Amino acid sequence: MNYTEYDAETLFSVGRRFLNGDCVEKDIAKAKAMLGRAAEMGHPLARKLMDSIVEDIPEETDDMTEWNKMRSGEMYDWTDPVIDRSLTRSRLACEKFNKSGIDHDDYRSVLEEMIPNVPKSVTILPPFHCDHGNGLHLGEGVFVNYNGTFLDAGDITIGAHTLIGPNCSLYTPQHPLDYLQRRKTVESAFPIKIGDDCWLGGNVTVCPGVTIGDRTVIGAGSVVTHDIPSDCLAAGNPCKVIRQLI
């Protein structure tokens, strides 16, 4: 297909739709062709978005073993080339996002570059830091206040309309307890799940493998080391249920 009749902004917009499957069937080949042409025409975001395509969740091939281990909770080597490229892509995307802001015209585009397929209704206030971005699965209306740190070696799932206070940290990586193992470039990662309509107060830390149920409130400064059920108020270090809300 000849794309010479289209301007760079149109090619970028349509290419991004094909990349994300937004209102059209997802087609990586068309996305790369359109974004490549937009990059040639000087579009400022097209090249970075095109380069990020191979950094999203890799295909299931033999050389992706360490990536698959990472996502499945097994011990993995974080210096693996696929993982390293994903970490690099995410660092650059976070740097760009943190130089922008919610009042900037490019806010939505740089947010989507940092977290692929993030819903339009999600708001994250910079600064924000994540390991990969593609391990973050945010529901409609999620709000993340300033200085969030979401380390998504394992998947982090946050339900719709959940509010995350400032300085909150969600950690999925788990280093070995054996000090000799810790000297190596290996770790494991366990997913975090936070339900719908939750509220985490400021300075909450959620540890690897924790699930927080729907509509639960976590008090400011809490360290959540184990699962917390739905419909309760919990707080403390370690975080404990104080009372039921329903």
Protein backbone atom coordinates (compact mmCIF):
# COMPACT_ATOMS: atom_id res chain seq x y z
CA MET A 1 0.00 0.00 0.00
CA ASN A 2 1.25 3.48 -0.91
CA TYR A 3 1.23 5.88 2.05
CA THR A 4 2.72 8.89 0.26
CA GLU A 5 -0.65 10.60 -0.04
CA TYR A 6 -1.06 10.86 3.74
CA ASP A 7 0.56 13.37 6.09
CA ALA A 8 2.74 12.27 9.01
CA GLU A 9 0.16 12.94 11.72
CA THR A 10 -2.50 10.88 9.95
CA LEU A 11 -0.09 7.99 9.44
CA PHE A 12 0.95 8.13 13.10
CA SER A 13 -2.63 8.22 14.35
CA VAL A 14 -3.86 5.37 12.15
CA GLY A 15 -0.69 3.34 12.73
CA ARG A 16 -1.17 3.61 16.48
CA ARG A 17 -4.76 2.38 16.08
CA PHE A 18 -3.56 -0.68 14.19
CA LEU A 19 -0.92 -1.25 16.87
CA ASN A 20 -3.39 -1.11 19.77
CA GLY A 21 -6.43 -2.57 18.01
CA ASP A 22 -8.31 0.65 18.74
CA CYS A 23 -11.51 0.70 16.60
CA VAL A 24 -9.74 -1.49 14.01
CA GLU A 25 -8.44 -5.06 13.99
CA LYS A 26 -4.93 -5.18 15.42
CA ASP A 27 -2.37 -5.48 12.60
CA ILE A 28 1.30 -5.13 13.58
CA ALA A 29 2.52 -5.20 9.97
CA LYS A 30 0.32 -2.26 8.96
CA ALA A 31 1.20 -0.43 12.16
CA LYS A 32 4.94 -0.76 11.47
CA ALA A 33 4.52 0.32 7.84
CA MET A 34 2.53 3.44 8.76
CA LEU A 35 4.69 4.39 11.73
CA GLY A 36 7.83 3.82 9.65
CA ARG A 37 6.58 6.16 6.96
CA ALA A 38 5.55 8.75 9.59
CA ALA A 39 9.04 8.53 11.10
CA GLU A 40 10.60 9.11 7.67
CA MET A 41 8.45 12.22 7.36
CA GLY A 42 9.79 13.52 10.67
CA HIS A 43 6.97 12.75 13.10
CA PRO A 44 8.49 13.21 16.61
CA LEU A 45 6.81 10.16 18.24
CA ALA A 46 6.59 7.69 15.37
CA ARG A 47 10.13 6.29 15.56
CA LYS A 48 10.01 5.65 19.31
CA LEU A 49 6.58 4.03 19.06
CA MET A 50 7.74 1.87 16.18
CA ASP A 51 10.85 0.82 18.07
CA SER A 52 8.71 -0.09 21.09
CA ILE A 53 6.68 -2.65 19.12
CA VAL A 54 9.31 -5.35 19.52
CA GLU A 55 9.66 -4.47 23.18
CA ASP A 56 6.05 -5.32 24.06
CA ILE A 57 5.19 -8.79 25.32
CA PRO A 58 7.34 -11.06 23.15
CA GLU A 59 6.03 -13.97 21.12
CA GLU A 60 6.36 -17.46 22.54
CA THR A 61 9.65 -18.58 20.98
CA ASP A 62 12.58 -20.59 22.25
CA ASP A 63 14.74 -17.54 22.91
CA MET A 64 12.10 -15.98 25.18
CA THR A 65 12.57 -18.49 27.99
CA GLU A 66 13.70 -15.96 30.60
CA TRP A 67 10.79 -13.64 29.77
CA ASN A 68 8.32 -16.50 30.19
CA LYS A 69 9.96 -17.47 33.48
CA MET A 70 9.64 -13.88 34.69
CA ARG A 71 5.93 -13.73 33.94
CA SER A 72 5.23 -17.16 35.46
CA GLY A 73 6.87 -16.67 38.86
CA GLU A 74 9.96 -18.78 38.20
CA MET A 75 13.54 -17.71 38.88
CA TYR A 76 14.82 -15.78 35.86
CA ASP A 77 17.93 -13.91 34.72
CA TRP A 78 17.13 -10.21 34.43
CA THR A 79 20.18 -9.61 32.20
CA ASP A 80 18.54 -11.64 29.41
CA PRO A 81 18.62 -9.53 26.18
CA VAL A 82 14.83 -9.54 25.72
CA ILE A 83 14.26 -8.42 29.29
CA ASP A 84 17.06 -5.87 29.08
CA ARG A 85 15.56 -4.29 25.94
CA SER A 86 12.17 -4.08 27.63
CA LEU A 87 13.70 -2.43 30.70
CA THR A 88 15.53 0.08 28.50
CA ARG A 89 12.38 0.91 26.54
CA SER A 90 10.48 1.46 29.77
CA ARG A 91 13.16 3.68 31.33
CA LEU A 92 13.17 5.92 28.27
CA ALA A 93 9.36 6.04 28.19
CA CYS A 94 9.19 6.89 31.90
CA GLU A 95 11.79 9.62 31.46
CA LYS A 96 9.73 11.14 28.66
CA PHE A 97 6.50 10.86 30.66
CA ASN A 98 8.07 12.48 33.71
CA LYS A 99 9.24 15.45 31.63
CA SER A 100 5.65 15.97 30.51
CA GLY A 101 2.62 16.47 32.75
CA ILE A 102 -1.13 16.21 32.87
CA ASP A 103 -1.54 19.74 31.48
CA HIS A 104 0.68 19.14 28.44
CA ASP A 105 -0.75 18.45 25.00
CA ASP A 106 1.29 15.25 24.66
CA TYR A 107 0.24 13.82 28.05
CA ARG A 108 -2.02 11.09 26.68
CA SER A 109 0.36 9.99 23.93
CA VAL A 110 3.37 9.68 26.25
CA LEU A 111 1.25 7.84 28.83
CA GLU A 112 0.20 5.34 26.15
CA GLU A 113 3.81 5.00 25.06
CA MET A 114 4.78 4.14 28.65
CA ILE A 115 1.85 1.77 29.31
CA PRO A 116 0.54 0.09 26.14
CA ASN A 117 -3.25 -0.21 25.84
CA VAL A 118 -3.92 1.92 28.93
CA PRO A 119 -7.60 3.02 29.01
CA LYS A 120 -8.35 6.62 28.07
CA SER A 121 -10.00 7.19 31.46
CA VAL A 122 -6.83 6.36 33.44
CA THR A 123 -4.91 9.25 35.00
CA ILE A 124 -1.36 8.98 36.33
CA LEU A 125 0.42 12.01 37.75
CA PRO A 126 4.17 12.20 37.12
CA PRO A 127 6.67 11.37 38.36
CA PHE A 128 5.96 7.68 37.85
CA HIS A 129 8.26 4.69 37.46
CA CYS A 130 7.70 1.15 36.19
CA ASP A 131 9.95 -1.70 35.04
CA HIS A 132 8.26 -2.73 31.79
CA GLY A 133 4.89 -0.99 31.42
CA ASN A 134 3.36 -3.90 29.51
CA GLY A 135 2.88 -5.75 32.82
CA LEU A 136 0.48 -3.06 34.05
CA HIS A 137 -3.21 -3.82 33.52
CA LEU A 138 -5.29 -0.87 34.68
CA GLY A 139 -9.09 -0.72 34.72
CA GLU A 140 -11.30 2.18 33.68
CA GLY A 141 -11.06 5.29 35.83
CA VAL A 142 -7.92 4.28 37.77
CA PHE A 143 -6.18 7.27 39.33
CA VAL A 144 -2.53 7.19 40.46
CA ASN A 145 -1.25 10.17 42.42
CA TYR A 146 2.29 11.56 42.38
CA ASN A 147 5.43 9.44 42.69
CA GLY A 148 4.06 5.96 42.07
CA THR A 149 6.55 3.11 41.67
CA PHE A 150 5.05 0.00 40.06
CA LEU A 151 7.68 -2.69 39.43
CA ASP A 152 5.92 -4.96 36.96
CA ALA A 153 8.29 -7.87 36.37
CA GLY A 154 5.20 -9.79 37.43
CA ASP A 155 1.79 -8.60 36.26
CA ILE A 156 0.13 -5.82 38.24
CA THR A 157 -3.64 -5.68 37.81
CA ILE A 158 -5.64 -2.76 39.23
CA GLY A 159 -9.42 -2.82 39.03
CA ALA A 160 -11.73 -0.11 37.75
CA HIS A 161 -12.13 3.16 39.66
CA THR A 162 -9.39 2.35 42.16
CA LEU A 163 -7.52 5.30 43.66
CA ILE A 164 -3.80 5.08 44.45
CA GLY A 165 -2.44 7.75 46.77
CA PRO A 166 0.90 9.57 46.46
CA ASN A 167 4.20 7.75 47.03
CA CYS A 168 2.67 4.29 46.70
CA SER A 169 4.88 1.38 45.72
CA LEU A 170 3.77 -1.93 44.20
CA TYR A 171 6.62 -4.45 44.10
CA THR A 172 6.41 -7.78 42.26
CA PRO A 173 10.15 -8.74 42.19
CA GLN A 174 11.44 -11.10 44.87
CA HIS A 175 15.19 -11.53 45.41
CA PRO A 176 16.50 -14.88 46.69
CA LEU A 177 16.83 -15.29 50.46
CA ASP A 178 20.14 -17.12 49.99
CA TYR A 179 22.86 -14.45 49.90
CA LEU A 180 24.95 -16.43 47.41
CA GLN A 181 21.98 -16.53 45.03
CA ARG A 182 21.47 -12.78 45.52
CA ARG A 183 24.97 -12.16 44.14
CA LYS A 184 23.76 -13.57 40.83
CA THR A 185 21.61 -11.74 38.29
CA VAL A 186 18.52 -13.77 39.16
CA GLU A 187 15.22 -13.08 40.85
CA SER A 188 11.58 -14.12 40.66
CA ALA A 189 8.41 -12.04 40.43
CA PHE A 190 4.90 -12.62 41.75
CA PRO A 191 1.77 -10.81 40.51
CA ILE A 192 -0.14 -8.17 42.45
CA LYS A 193 -3.90 -7.84 42.10
CA ILE A 194 -5.94 -4.93 43.44
CA GLY A 195 -9.71 -5.04 43.02
CA ASP A 196 -12.31 -2.55 41.80
CA ASP A 197 -13.13 0.64 43.73
CA CYS A 198 -10.24 0.30 46.19
CA TRP A 199 -8.42 3.20 47.81
CA LEU A 200 -4.77 3.03 48.84
CA GLY A 201 -3.71 5.96 51.02
CA GLY A 202 -0.38 7.70 50.68
CA ASN A 203 2.90 5.81 51.16
CA VAL A 204 1.36 2.34 50.94
CA THR A 205 3.71 -0.50 49.97
CA VAL A 206 2.26 -3.67 48.42
CA CYS A 207 4.61 -6.67 48.46
CA PRO A 208 5.02 -9.43 45.84
CA GLY A 209 2.13 -11.83 45.33
CA VAL A 210 -0.48 -9.85 47.29
CA THR A 211 -4.16 -9.68 46.33
CA ILE A 212 -6.43 -6.92 47.69
CA GLY A 213 -10.16 -7.46 47.30
CA ASP A 214 -12.78 -5.15 45.81
CA ARG A 215 -13.79 -1.92 47.58
CA THR A 216 -11.13 -2.26 50.28
CA VAL A 217 -9.38 0.76 51.82
CA ILE A 218 -5.71 0.53 52.83
CA GLY A 219 -4.61 3.14 55.38
CA ALA A 220 -1.73 5.51 54.69
CA GLY A 221 1.75 4.17 55.42
CA SER A 222 0.69 0.52 55.44
CA VAL A 223 2.92 -2.34 54.29
CA VAL A 224 0.73 -5.03 52.74
CA THR A 225 2.53 -8.34 53.08
CA HIS A 226 -0.40 -10.75 52.63
CA ASP A 227 -3.83 -10.89 50.98
CA ILE A 228 -6.54 -8.51 52.21
CA PRO A 229 -10.21 -9.42 51.59
CA SER A 230 -12.90 -7.31 49.95
CA ASP A 231 -14.98 -4.64 51.70
CA CYS A 232 -12.73 -3.87 54.64
CA LEU A 233 -10.53 -1.18 56.14
CA ALA A 234 -6.98 -2.38 56.72
CA ALA A 235 -3.85 -0.63 57.96
CA GLY A 236 -0.52 -1.06 59.68
CA ASN A 237 2.87 -2.70 59.24
CA PRO A 238 2.22 -5.47 58.57
CA CYS A 239 -1.19 -4.46 57.23
CA LYS A 240 -4.14 -6.03 59.09
CA VAL A 241 -7.90 -5.81 58.77
CA ILE A 242 -9.34 -3.27 61.21
CA ARG A 243 -13.02 -3.65 60.40
CA GLN A 244 -15.47 -4.58 57.67
CA LEU A 245 -16.97 -1.75 55.64
CA ILE A 246 -20.13 -3.63 54.65
